[in-house]
PDB file of N, CA and C in Angstrom:
ATOM      1  N   UNK A   1     -69.874 -16.368 -68.999  1.00  0.00           N
ATOM      2  CA  UNK A   1     -70.756 -15.556 -69.539  1.00  0.00           C
ATOM      3  C   UNK A   1     -70.305 -13.802 -69.364  1.00  0.00           C
ATOM      4  N   UNK A   2     -69.172 -13.626 -68.750  1.00  0.00           N
ATOM      5  CA  UNK A   2     -68.332 -12.195 -68.909  1.00  0.00           C
ATOM      6  C   UNK A   2     -68.293 -11.608 -70.740  1.00  0.00           C
ATOM      7  N   UNK A   3     -67.663 -12.871 -71.216  1.00  0.00           N
ATOM      8  CA  UNK A   3     -67.470 -12.141 -72.866  1.00  0.00           C
ATOM      9  C   UNK A   3     -68.990 -11.580 -73.182  1.00  0.00           C
ATOM     10  N   UNK A   4     -69.890 -12.105 -72.897  1.00  0.00           N
ATOM     11  CA  UNK A   4     -71.021 -11.958 -73.414  1.00  0.00           C
ATOM     12  C   UNK A   4     -72.109 -10.366 -73.889  1.00  0.00           C
ATOM     13  N   UNK A   5     -71.456  -9.577 -72.958  1.00  0.00           N
ATOM     14  CA  UNK A   5     -71.651  -7.787 -73.094  1.00  0.00           C
ATOM     15  C   UNK A   5     -70.693  -7.805 -74.231  1.00  0.00           C
ATOM     16  N   UNK A   6     -69.514  -7.521 -74.475  1.00  0.00           N
ATOM     17  CA  UNK A   6     -68.762  -7.650 -75.779  1.00  0.00           C
ATOM     18  C   UNK A   6     -68.932  -8.517 -76.995  1.00  0.00           C
ATOM     19  N   UNK A   7     -69.481  -8.994 -76.779  1.00  0.00           N
ATOM     20  CA  UNK A   7     -70.092 -10.101 -77.914  1.00  0.00           C
ATOM     21  C   UNK A   7     -71.152  -9.684 -78.928  1.00  0.00           C
ATOM     22  N   UNK A   8     -72.040  -9.253 -77.698  1.00  0.00           N
ATOM     23  CA  UNK A   8     -73.321  -8.518 -77.818  1.00  0.00           C
ATOM     24  C   UNK A   8     -73.009  -7.123 -78.732  1.00  0.00           C
ATOM     25  N   UNK A   9     -72.225  -6.053 -78.123  1.00  0.00           N
ATOM     26  CA  UNK A   9     -71.787  -5.191 -78.900  1.00  0.00           C
ATOM     27  C   UNK A   9     -71.247  -4.900 -79.625  1.00  0.00           C
ATOM     28  N   UNK A  10     -70.467  -6.365 -80.034  1.00  0.00           N
ATOM     29  CA  UNK A  10     -70.005  -6.408 -81.158  1.00  0.00           C
ATOM     30  C   UNK A  10     -71.257  -6.551 -82.945  1.00  0.00           C
ATOM     31  N   UNK A  11     -72.024  -7.813 -81.956  1.00  0.00           N
ATOM     32  CA  UNK A  11     -73.208  -8.016 -83.199  1.00  0.00           C
ATOM     33  C   UNK A  11     -74.107  -6.521 -83.159  1.00  0.00           C
ATOM     34  N   UNK A  12     -74.875  -6.127 -82.915  1.00  0.00           N
ATOM     35  CA  UNK A  12     -74.948  -4.428 -82.883  1.00  0.00           C
ATOM     36  C   UNK A  12     -73.639  -3.727 -83.699  1.00  0.00           C
ATOM     37  N   UNK A  13     -73.338  -3.760 -83.446  1.00  0.00           N
ATOM     38  CA  UNK A  13     -72.220  -2.711 -84.052  1.00  0.00           C
ATOM     39  C   UNK A  13     -71.961  -2.961 -85.110  1.00  0.00           C
ATOM     40  N   UNK A  14     -71.849  -4.396 -85.422  1.00  0.00           N
ATOM     41  CA  UNK A  14     -71.263  -5.007 -86.609  1.00  0.00           C
ATOM     42  C   UNK A  14     -72.712  -5.275 -88.079  1.00  0.00           C
ATOM     43  N   UNK A  15     -74.262  -5.077 -87.673  1.00  0.00           N
ATOM     44  CA  UNK A  15     -74.859  -5.601 -88.274  1.00  0.00           C
ATOM     45  C   UNK A  15     -74.733  -6.005 -89.750  1.00  0.00           C
ATOM     46  N   UNK A  16     -73.633  -6.887 -90.324  1.00  0.00           N
ATOM     47  CA  UNK A  16     -74.138  -6.655 -91.968  1.00  0.00           C
ATOM     48  C   UNK A  16     -73.369  -7.638 -91.974  1.00  0.00           C
ATOM     49  N   UNK A  17     -72.926  -8.111 -93.531  1.00  0.00           N
ATOM     50  CA  UNK A  17     -72.460  -8.737 -93.418  1.00  0.00           C
ATOM     51  C   UNK A  17     -71.014  -9.584 -93.665  1.00  0.00           C
ATOM     52  N   UNK A  18     -70.199  -8.047 -93.339  1.00  0.00           N
ATOM     53  CA  UNK A  18     -69.265  -8.134 -93.016  1.00  0.00           C
ATOM     54  C   UNK A  18     -68.694  -8.820 -91.798  1.00  0.00           C
ATOM     55  N   UNK A  19     -69.592  -9.171 -90.497  1.00  0.00           N
ATOM     56  CA  UNK A  19     -69.386  -9.857 -89.765  1.00  0.00           C
ATOM     57  C   UNK A  19     -70.552 -10.880 -89.260  1.00  0.00           C
ATOM     58  N   UNK A  20     -69.506 -11.833 -88.313  1.00  0.00           N
ATOM     59  CA  UNK A  20     -70.743 -13.117 -87.845  1.00  0.00           C
ATOM     60  C   UNK A  20     -70.320 -13.498 -86.873  1.00  0.00           C
ATOM     61  N   UNK A  21     -70.630 -14.003 -85.799  1.00  0.00           N
ATOM     62  CA  UNK A  21     -70.785 -15.058 -84.562  1.00  0.00           C
ATOM     63  C   UNK A  21     -71.034 -15.997 -84.850  1.00  0.00           C
ATOM     64  N   UNK A  22     -70.620 -17.562 -84.265  1.00  0.00           N
ATOM     65  CA  UNK A  22     -71.161 -18.799 -84.421  1.00  0.00           C
ATOM     66  C   UNK A  22     -70.994 -19.061 -82.893  1.00  0.00           C
ATOM     67  N   UNK A  23     -71.650 -19.325 -82.078  1.00  0.00           N
ATOM     68  CA  UNK A  23     -71.769 -20.248 -80.612  1.00  0.00           C
ATOM     69  C   UNK A  23     -71.587 -21.624 -81.063  1.00  0.00           C
ATOM     70  N   UNK A  24     -70.722 -22.482 -80.220  1.00  0.00           N
ATOM     71  CA  UNK A  24     -71.116 -23.591 -80.203  1.00  0.00           C
ATOM     72  C   UNK A  24     -71.251 -23.705 -78.900  1.00  0.00           C
ATOM     73  N   UNK A  25     -72.513 -24.608 -78.395  1.00  0.00           N
ATOM     74  CA  UNK A  25     -72.472 -25.255 -77.401  1.00  0.00           C
ATOM     75  C   UNK A  25     -73.033 -26.206 -77.085  1.00  0.00           C
ATOM     76  N   UNK A  26     -71.890 -27.144 -75.748  1.00  0.00           N
ATOM     77  CA  UNK A  26     -71.856 -28.690 -75.820  1.00  0.00           C
ATOM     78  C   UNK A  26     -72.574 -28.850 -74.362  1.00  0.00           C
ATOM     79  N   UNK A  27     -73.549 -27.532 -73.829  1.00  0.00           N
ATOM     80  CA  UNK A  27     -74.646 -28.240 -72.493  1.00  0.00           C
ATOM     81  C   UNK A  27     -75.456 -29.689 -72.977  1.00  0.00           C
ATOM     82  N   UNK A  28     -75.411 -30.461 -72.055  1.00  0.00           N
ATOM     83  CA  UNK A  28     -76.385 -31.831 -72.572  1.00  0.00           C
ATOM     84  C   UNK A  28     -77.714 -31.231 -72.428  1.00  0.00           C
ATOM     85  N   UNK A  29     -78.320 -30.062 -72.360  1.00  0.00           N
ATOM     86  CA  UNK A  29     -80.191 -30.563 -72.600  1.00  0.00           C
ATOM     87  C   UNK A  29     -79.912 -29.247 -73.196  1.00  0.00           C
ATOM     88  N   UNK A  30     -80.829 -29.101 -74.433  1.00  0.00           N
ATOM     89  CA  UNK A  30     -81.233 -28.479 -75.490  1.00  0.00           C
ATOM     90  C   UNK A  30     -81.974 -27.450 -74.879  1.00  0.00           C
ATOM     91  N   UNK A  31     -83.142 -27.867 -74.469  1.00  0.00           N
ATOM     92  CA  UNK A  31     -83.902 -27.421 -73.922  1.00  0.00           C
ATOM     93  C   UNK A  31     -83.441 -26.015 -72.989  1.00  0.00           C
ATOM     94  N   UNK A  32     -82.713 -26.432 -72.339  1.00  0.00           N
ATOM     95  CA  UNK A  32     -82.061 -24.993 -71.710  1.00  0.00           C
ATOM     96  C   UNK A  32     -81.272 -24.239 -72.170  1.00  0.00           C
ATOM     97  N   UNK A  33     -80.307 -25.105 -73.000  1.00  0.00           N
ATOM     98  CA  UNK A  33     -79.643 -24.187 -73.921  1.00  0.00           C
ATOM     99  C   UNK A  33     -80.541 -22.835 -74.956  1.00  0.00           C
ATOM    100  N   UNK A  34     -81.706 -23.309 -75.102  1.00  0.00           N
ATOM    101  CA  UNK A  34     -82.357 -21.891 -75.723  1.00  0.00           C
ATOM    102  C   UNK A  34     -82.989 -21.717 -75.328  1.00  0.00           C
ATOM    103  N   UNK A  35     -83.580 -21.895 -73.547  1.00  0.00           N
ATOM    104  CA  UNK A  35     -84.322 -20.747 -72.664  1.00  0.00           C
ATOM    105  C   UNK A  35     -83.156 -20.132 -72.359  1.00  0.00           C
ATOM    106  N   UNK A  36     -81.396 -20.123 -72.129  1.00  0.00           N
ATOM    107  CA  UNK A  36     -80.754 -19.491 -71.700  1.00  0.00           C
ATOM    108  C   UNK A  36     -80.281 -17.750 -72.707  1.00  0.00           C
ATOM    109  N   UNK A  37     -80.012 -19.259 -74.204  1.00  0.00           N
ATOM    110  CA  UNK A  37     -80.183 -17.808 -75.213  1.00  0.00           C
ATOM    111  C   UNK A  37     -81.154 -16.761 -75.327  1.00  0.00           C
ATOM    112  N   UNK A  38     -82.536 -17.786 -74.635  1.00  0.00           N
ATOM    113  CA  UNK A  38     -83.415 -16.571 -75.448  1.00  0.00           C
ATOM    114  C   UNK A  38     -83.187 -14.956 -73.910  1.00  0.00           C
ATOM    115  N   UNK A  39     -83.211 -15.692 -72.780  1.00  0.00           N
ATOM    116  CA  UNK A  39     -83.025 -15.005 -71.713  1.00  0.00           C
ATOM    117  C   UNK A  39     -82.259 -14.094 -71.789  1.00  0.00           C
ATOM    118  N   UNK A  40     -80.715 -14.023 -72.275  1.00  0.00           N
ATOM    119  CA  UNK A  40     -79.595 -13.655 -72.002  1.00  0.00           C
ATOM    120  C   UNK A  40     -79.328 -12.893 -73.797  1.00  0.00           C
ATOM    121  N   UNK A  41     -80.396 -13.313 -74.320  1.00  0.00           N
ATOM    122  CA  UNK A  41     -80.614 -11.840 -75.614  1.00  0.00           C
ATOM    123  C   UNK A  41     -79.451 -12.497 -76.642  1.00  0.00           C
ATOM    124  N   UNK A  42     -79.154 -13.741 -76.782  1.00  0.00           N
ATOM    125  CA  UNK A  42     -77.929 -14.418 -77.680  1.00  0.00           C
ATOM    126  C   UNK A  42     -79.453 -14.442 -79.229  1.00  0.00           C
ATOM    127  N   UNK A  43     -78.737 -13.498 -79.839  1.00  0.00           N
ATOM    128  CA  UNK A  43     -79.349 -13.326 -81.379  1.00  0.00           C
ATOM    129  C   UNK A  43     -78.417 -14.046 -82.867  1.00  0.00           C
ATOM    130  N   UNK A  44     -77.418 -14.667 -82.124  1.00  0.00           N
ATOM    131  CA  UNK A  44     -76.510 -15.311 -83.305  1.00  0.00           C
ATOM    132  C   UNK A  44     -76.679 -16.412 -83.567  1.00  0.00           C
ATOM    133  N   UNK A  45     -76.072 -16.537 -84.705  1.00  0.00           N
ATOM    134  CA  UNK A  45     -76.139 -18.283 -84.398  1.00  0.00           C
ATOM    135  C   UNK A  45     -75.572 -19.257 -84.354  1.00  0.00           C
ATOM    136  N   UNK A  46     -76.466 -20.409 -83.388  1.00  0.00           N
ATOM    137  CA  UNK A  46     -74.906 -21.057 -82.335  1.00  0.00           C
ATOM    138  C   UNK A  46     -75.270 -22.943 -82.725  1.00  0.00           C
ATOM    139  N   UNK A  47     -74.763 -23.343 -82.858  1.00  0.00           N
ATOM    140  CA  UNK A  47     -74.918 -24.357 -83.207  1.00  0.00           C
ATOM    141  C   UNK A  47     -74.680 -25.567 -81.536  1.00  0.00           C
ATOM    142  N   UNK A  48     -75.606 -26.496 -81.868  1.00  0.00           N
ATOM    143  CA  UNK A  48     -76.100 -27.402 -80.204  1.00  0.00           C
ATOM    144  C   UNK A  48     -75.127 -28.236 -80.858  1.00  0.00           C
ATOM    145  N   UNK A  49     -73.689 -29.008 -79.659  1.00  0.00           N
ATOM    146  CA  UNK A  49     -73.604 -30.619 -80.267  1.00  0.00           C
ATOM    147  C   UNK A  49     -74.315 -31.469 -78.751  1.00  0.00           C
ATOM    148  N   UNK A  50     -74.036 -30.894 -78.015  1.00  0.00           N
ATOM    149  CA  UNK A  50     -74.328 -31.843 -76.727  1.00  0.00           C
ATOM    150  C   UNK A  50     -72.771 -32.278 -75.762  1.00  0.00           C
ATOM    151  N   UNK A  51     -72.194 -31.870 -76.460  1.00  0.00           N
ATOM    152  CA  UNK A  51     -70.862 -32.583 -75.785  1.00  0.00           C
ATOM    153  C   UNK A  51     -69.339 -31.970 -77.041  1.00  0.00           C
ATOM    154  N   UNK A  52     -68.557 -31.644 -75.933  1.00  0.00           N
ATOM    155  CA  UNK A  52     -67.023 -31.604 -76.182  1.00  0.00           C
ATOM    156  C   UNK A  52     -66.341 -32.903 -77.241  1.00  0.00           C
ATOM    157  N   UNK A  53     -67.062 -33.908 -77.213  1.00  0.00           N
ATOM    158  CA  UNK A  53     -66.184 -34.859 -77.616  1.00  0.00           C
ATOM    159  C   UNK A  53     -66.960 -35.211 -79.706  1.00  0.00           C
ATOM    160  N   UNK A  54     -67.680 -33.948 -79.435  1.00  0.00           N
ATOM    161  CA  UNK A  54     -68.225 -34.983 -81.279  1.00  0.00           C
ATOM    162  C   UNK A  54     -68.702 -33.368 -82.252  1.00  0.00           C
ATOM    163  N   UNK A  55     -69.226 -33.619 -83.228  1.00  0.00           N
ATOM    164  CA  UNK A  55     -69.408 -32.371 -83.991  1.00  0.00           C
ATOM    165  C   UNK A  55     -67.777 -31.372 -83.999  1.00  0.00           C
ATOM    166  N   UNK A  56     -68.582 -30.121 -84.135  1.00  0.00           N
ATOM    167  CA  UNK A  56     -67.398 -28.813 -84.950  1.00  0.00           C
ATOM    168  C   UNK A  56     -67.044 -28.554 -83.285  1.00  0.00           C
ATOM    169  N   UNK A  57     -67.541 -28.981 -81.879  1.00  0.00           N
ATOM    170  CA  UNK A  57     -66.271 -28.230 -80.936  1.00  0.00           C
ATOM    171  C   UNK A  57     -65.223 -29.419 -80.500  1.00  0.00           C
ATOM    172  N   UNK A  58     -65.471 -30.699 -81.494  1.00  0.00           N
ATOM    173  CA  UNK A  58     -64.452 -31.391 -81.169  1.00  0.00           C
ATOM    174  C   UNK A  58     -63.638 -31.732 -82.269  1.00  0.00           C
ATOM    175  N   UNK A  59     -63.973 -30.567 -83.238  1.00  0.00           N
ATOM    176  CA  UNK A  59     -63.130 -30.214 -84.486  1.00  0.00           C
ATOM    177  C   UNK A  59     -62.233 -29.215 -84.390  1.00  0.00           C
ATOM    178  N   UNK A  60     -63.300 -27.915 -83.470  1.00  0.00           N
ATOM    179  CA  UNK A  60     -61.850 -27.381 -83.951  1.00  0.00           C
ATOM    180  C   UNK A  60     -62.036 -27.114 -82.285  1.00  0.00           C
ATOM    181  N   UNK A  61     -61.332 -28.201 -81.636  1.00  0.00           N
ATOM    182  CA  UNK A  61     -60.749 -27.796 -80.264  1.00  0.00           C
ATOM    183  C   UNK A  61     -61.436 -27.510 -79.089  1.00  0.00           C
ATOM    184  N   UNK A  62     -62.424 -27.258 -78.978  1.00  0.00           N
ATOM    185  CA  UNK A  62     -63.045 -26.695 -77.794  1.00  0.00           C
ATOM    186  C   UNK A  62     -63.748 -27.465 -76.766  1.00  0.00           C
ATOM    187  N   UNK A  63     -62.565 -27.281 -75.775  1.00  0.00           N
ATOM    188  CA  UNK A  63     -63.054 -27.799 -74.572  1.00  0.00           C
ATOM    189  C   UNK A  63     -63.221 -26.918 -73.471  1.00  0.00           C
ATOM    190  N   UNK A  64     -62.929 -25.776 -73.079  1.00  0.00           N
ATOM    191  CA  UNK A  64     -62.988 -24.812 -72.337  1.00  0.00           C
ATOM    192  C   UNK A  64     -64.056 -23.823 -72.364  1.00  0.00           C
ATOM    193  N   UNK A  65     -64.415 -23.212 -71.916  1.00  0.00           N
ATOM    194  CA  UNK A  65     -65.569 -21.914 -72.219  1.00  0.00           C
ATOM    195  C   UNK A  65     -64.930 -20.801 -71.708  1.00  0.00           C
ATOM    196  N   UNK A  66     -64.838 -19.325 -72.215  1.00  0.00           N
ATOM    197  CA  UNK A  66     -65.186 -18.871 -73.822  1.00  0.00           C
ATOM    198  C   UNK A  66     -63.872 -19.755 -74.228  1.00  0.00           C
ATOM    199  N   UNK A  67     -64.112 -20.358 -75.548  1.00  0.00           N
ATOM    200  CA  UNK A  67     -62.672 -19.977 -76.575  1.00  0.00           C
ATOM    201  C   UNK A  67     -63.790 -19.501 -77.803  1.00  0.00           C
ATOM    202  N   UNK A  68     -62.411 -18.800 -78.523  1.00  0.00           N
ATOM    203  CA  UNK A  68     -62.938 -17.956 -79.427  1.00  0.00           C
ATOM    204  C   UNK A  68     -61.703 -18.239 -80.593  1.00  0.00           C
ATOM    205  N   UNK A  69     -62.581 -18.172 -81.403  1.00  0.00           N
ATOM    206  CA  UNK A  69     -61.347 -17.455 -82.530  1.00  0.00           C
ATOM    207  C   UNK A  69     -62.239 -16.786 -83.659  1.00  0.00           C
ATOM    208  N   UNK A  70     -60.996 -15.924 -83.665  1.00  0.00           N
ATOM    209  CA  UNK A  70     -61.279 -14.758 -84.816  1.00  0.00           C
ATOM    210  C   UNK A  70     -61.074 -15.090 -86.433  1.00  0.00           C
ATOM    211  N   UNK A  71     -61.744 -15.375 -87.148  1.00  0.00           N
ATOM    212  CA  UNK A  71     -61.394 -15.354 -88.745  1.00  0.00           C
ATOM    213  C   UNK A  71     -61.648 -14.011 -89.208  1.00  0.00           C
ATOM    214  N   UNK A  72     -60.313 -14.373 -90.391  1.00  0.00           N
ATOM    215  CA  UNK A  72     -60.846 -13.306 -91.590  1.00  0.00           C
ATOM    216  C   UNK A  72     -61.680 -13.200 -92.359  1.00  0.00           C
ATOM    217  N   UNK A  73     -61.927 -12.361 -93.355  1.00  0.00           N
ATOM    218  CA  UNK A  73     -62.998 -13.351 -94.808  1.00  0.00           C
ATOM    219  C   UNK A  73     -62.350 -14.117 -95.060  1.00  0.00           C
ATOM    220  N   UNK A  74     -61.258 -15.073 -95.368  1.00  0.00           N
ATOM    221  CA  UNK A  74     -60.753 -15.559 -95.948  1.00  0.00           C
ATOM    222  C   UNK A  74     -60.824 -17.521 -95.689  1.00  0.00           C
ATOM    223  N   UNK A  75     -61.312 -17.089 -93.668  1.00  0.00           N
ATOM    224  CA  UNK A  75     -61.038 -18.501 -92.600  1.00  0.00           C
ATOM    225  C   UNK A  75     -59.897 -18.501 -92.410  1.00  0.00           C
ATOM    226  N   UNK A  76     -58.915 -17.435 -92.072  1.00  0.00           N
ATOM    227  CA  UNK A  76     -57.866 -17.520 -91.477  1.00  0.00           C
ATOM    228  C   UNK A  76     -57.761 -17.487 -90.237  1.00  0.00           C
ATOM    229  N   UNK A  77     -56.766 -17.920 -89.040  1.00  0.00           N
ATOM    230  CA  UNK A  77     -57.685 -17.452 -87.485  1.00  0.00           C
ATOM    231  C   UNK A  77     -56.572 -16.530 -87.801  1.00  0.00           C
ATOM    232  N   UNK A  78     -57.118 -15.327 -87.014  1.00  0.00           N
ATOM    233  CA  UNK A  78     -56.239 -13.991 -86.810  1.00  0.00           C
ATOM    234  C   UNK A  78     -55.900 -14.001 -85.719  1.00  0.00           C
ATOM    235  N   UNK A  79     -57.086 -14.477 -84.496  1.00  0.00           N
ATOM    236  CA  UNK A  79     -56.579 -13.879 -83.025  1.00  0.00           C
ATOM    237  C   UNK A  79     -57.643 -15.661 -82.807  1.00  0.00           C
ATOM    238  N   UNK A  80     -56.606 -15.702 -81.236  1.00  0.00           N
ATOM    239  CA  UNK A  80     -57.402 -16.961 -80.797  1.00  0.00           C
ATOM    240  C   UNK A  80     -57.687 -16.440 -79.427  1.00  0.00           C
ATOM    241  N   UNK A  81     -58.931 -16.387 -78.584  1.00  0.00           N
ATOM    242  CA  UNK A  81     -59.417 -16.434 -77.620  1.00  0.00           C
ATOM    243  C   UNK A  81     -59.187 -15.478 -77.030  1.00  0.00           C
ATOM    244  N   UNK A  82     -59.416 -13.988 -77.893  1.00  0.00           N
ATOM    245  CA  UNK A  82     -59.228 -12.915 -76.923  1.00  0.00           C
ATOM    246  C   UNK A  82     -60.440 -12.283 -76.444  1.00  0.00           C
ATOM    247  N   UNK A  83     -60.177 -11.205 -75.324  1.00  0.00           N
ATOM    248  CA  UNK A  83     -60.846 -11.453 -74.112  1.00  0.00           C
ATOM    249  C   UNK A  83     -61.245  -9.569 -74.071  1.00  0.00           C
ATOM    250  N   UNK A  84     -62.717  -9.592 -73.743  1.00  0.00           N
ATOM    251  CA  UNK A  84     -63.064  -7.716 -73.461  1.00  0.00           C
ATOM    252  C   UNK A  84     -62.374  -6.823 -74.557  1.00  0.00           C
ATOM    253  N   UNK A  85     -62.256  -5.987 -74.302  1.00  0.00           N
ATOM    254  CA  UNK A  85     -62.046  -4.921 -75.009  1.00  0.00           C
ATOM    255  C   UNK A  85     -61.168  -5.136 -76.285  1.00  0.00           C
ATOM    256  N   UNK A  86     -60.387  -6.293 -76.227  1.00  0.00           N
ATOM    257  CA  UNK A  86     -59.304  -6.721 -76.840  1.00  0.00           C
ATOM    258  C   UNK A  86     -59.929  -7.633 -78.095  1.00  0.00           C
ATOM    259  N   UNK A  87     -61.141  -8.755 -77.571  1.00  0.00           N
ATOM    260  CA  UNK A  87     -62.200  -9.171 -78.754  1.00  0.00           C
ATOM    261  C   UNK A  87     -62.181  -8.070 -79.378  1.00  0.00           C
ATOM    262  N   UNK A  88     -62.899  -6.983 -79.133  1.00  0.00           N
ATOM    263  CA  UNK A  88     -63.813  -5.772 -79.811  1.00  0.00           C
ATOM    264  C   UNK A  88     -62.294  -4.880 -80.460  1.00  0.00           C
ATOM    265  N   UNK A  89     -61.490  -4.969 -80.214  1.00  0.00           N
ATOM    266  CA  UNK A  89     -60.519  -4.001 -81.087  1.00  0.00           C
ATOM    267  C   UNK A  89     -60.100  -5.304 -82.355  1.00  0.00           C
ATOM    268  N   UNK A  90     -60.012  -6.520 -81.698  1.00  0.00           N
ATOM    269  CA  UNK A  90     -59.492  -6.979 -83.281  1.00  0.00           C
ATOM    270  C   UNK A  90     -60.884  -7.550 -84.065  1.00  0.00           C
ATOM    271  N   UNK A  91     -61.662  -7.384 -83.833  1.00  0.00           N
ATOM    272  CA  UNK A  91     -63.064  -7.590 -84.478  1.00  0.00           C
ATOM    273  C   UNK A  91     -62.930  -5.925 -85.491  1.00  0.00           C
ATOM    274  N   UNK A  92     -63.012  -5.503 -84.905  1.00  0.00           N
ATOM    275  CA  UNK A  92     -63.318  -3.632 -85.215  1.00  0.00           C
ATOM    276  C   UNK A  92     -62.387  -3.457 -86.259  1.00  0.00           C
ATOM    277  N   UNK A  93     -60.975  -3.831 -86.058  1.00  0.00           N
ATOM    278  CA  UNK A  93     -60.011  -3.531 -86.945  1.00  0.00           C
ATOM    279  C   UNK A  93     -60.101  -4.959 -88.534  1.00  0.00           C
ATOM    280  N   UNK A  94     -60.589  -6.123 -88.293  1.00  0.00           N
ATOM    281  CA  UNK A  94     -60.686  -6.796 -89.386  1.00  0.00           C
ATOM    282  C   UNK A  94     -61.515  -6.542 -89.919  1.00  0.00           C
ATOM    283  N   UNK A  95     -63.046  -6.347 -89.326  1.00  0.00           N
ATOM    284  CA  UNK A  95     -63.816  -5.398 -90.305  1.00  0.00           C
ATOM    285  C   UNK A  95     -63.676  -4.205 -90.459  1.00  0.00           C
ATOM    286  N   UNK A  96     -62.837  -3.326 -90.530  1.00  0.00           N
ATOM    287  CA  UNK A  96     -62.270  -2.164 -91.225  1.00  0.00           C
ATOM    288  C   UNK A  96     -61.397  -2.454 -92.121  1.00  0.00           C
ATOM    289  N   UNK A  97     -60.200  -3.251 -92.286  1.00  0.00           N
ATOM    290  CA  UNK A  97     -59.248  -4.160 -93.028  1.00  0.00           C
ATOM    291  C   UNK A  97     -60.127  -4.705 -94.070  1.00  0.00           C
ATOM    292  N   UNK A  98     -61.575  -5.434 -93.875  1.00  0.00           N
ATOM    293  CA  UNK A  98     -62.296  -6.193 -95.202  1.00  0.00           C
ATOM    294  C   UNK A  98     -62.390  -4.879 -96.260  1.00  0.00           C
ATOM    295  N   UNK A  99     -63.616  -3.802 -95.172  1.00  0.00           N
ATOM    296  CA  UNK A  99     -64.088  -3.463 -96.018  1.00  0.00           C
ATOM    297  C   UNK A  99     -63.049  -1.994 -97.049  1.00  0.00           C
ATOM    298  N   UNK A 100     -62.028  -1.956 -96.378  1.00  0.00           N
ATOM    299  CA  UNK A 100     -60.739  -1.726 -97.106  1.00  0.00           C
ATOM    300  C   UNK A 100     -60.310  -2.342 -98.207  1.00  0.00           C
ATOM    301  N   UNK A 101     -60.542  -3.656 -98.079  1.00  0.00           N
ATOM    302  CA  UNK A 101     -60.437  -4.681 -99.300  1.00  0.00           C
ATOM    303  C   UNK A 101     -61.084  -4.685-100.447  1.00  0.00           C
ATOM    304  N   UNK A 102     -62.475  -4.249-100.044  1.00  0.00           N
ATOM    305  CA  UNK A 102     -63.603  -4.295-101.357  1.00  0.00           C
ATOM    306  C   UNK A 102     -63.675  -2.776-102.687  1.00  0.00           C
ATOM    307  N   UNK A 103     -63.521  -3.686-103.761  1.00  0.00           N
ATOM    308  CA  UNK A 103     -63.217  -2.084-104.925  1.00  0.00           C
ATOM    309  C   UNK A 103     -64.511  -1.422-104.580  1.00  0.00           C
ATOM    310  N   UNK A 104     -63.671  -0.785-104.960  1.00  0.00           N
ATOM    311  CA  UNK A 104     -64.542   0.867-105.308  1.00  0.00           C
ATOM    312  C   UNK A 104     -65.286   1.439-106.620  1.00  0.00           C
ATOM    313  N   UNK A 105     -66.414   1.008-107.373  1.00  0.00           N
ATOM    314  CA  UNK A 105     -66.520   0.568-108.323  1.00  0.00           C
ATOM    315  C   UNK A 105     -65.826   0.395-109.735  1.00  0.00           C
ATOM    316  N   UNK A 106     -66.596   0.845-110.394  1.00  0.00           N
ATOM    317  CA  UNK A 106     -65.763   0.897-111.746  1.00  0.00           C
ATOM    318  C   UNK A 106     -65.253   2.677-111.839  1.00  0.00           C
TER     319      UNK A 106
END
């Protein structure tokens, strides 16, 4: 849960189509998971798998938490498990890069 403040800050700062967070949760109890999301103010999309041995958690090799992959607009992994201020720096740089790549009118 130590990364939660950094993720919240990113979600608030980049509330646009240029940025998205998707959480993967492997807890056993979906009701407890939903309750924790509400209590902790988690507003981004989350996938509940109920296990590390199934679905997207298995596909992406998520076996411990937090595991974070930062992808660019083309789906290329640009950073694996950045933490704290480094997470914010990596995301800020990629969002700025994406905005610069967008053509500006005719």
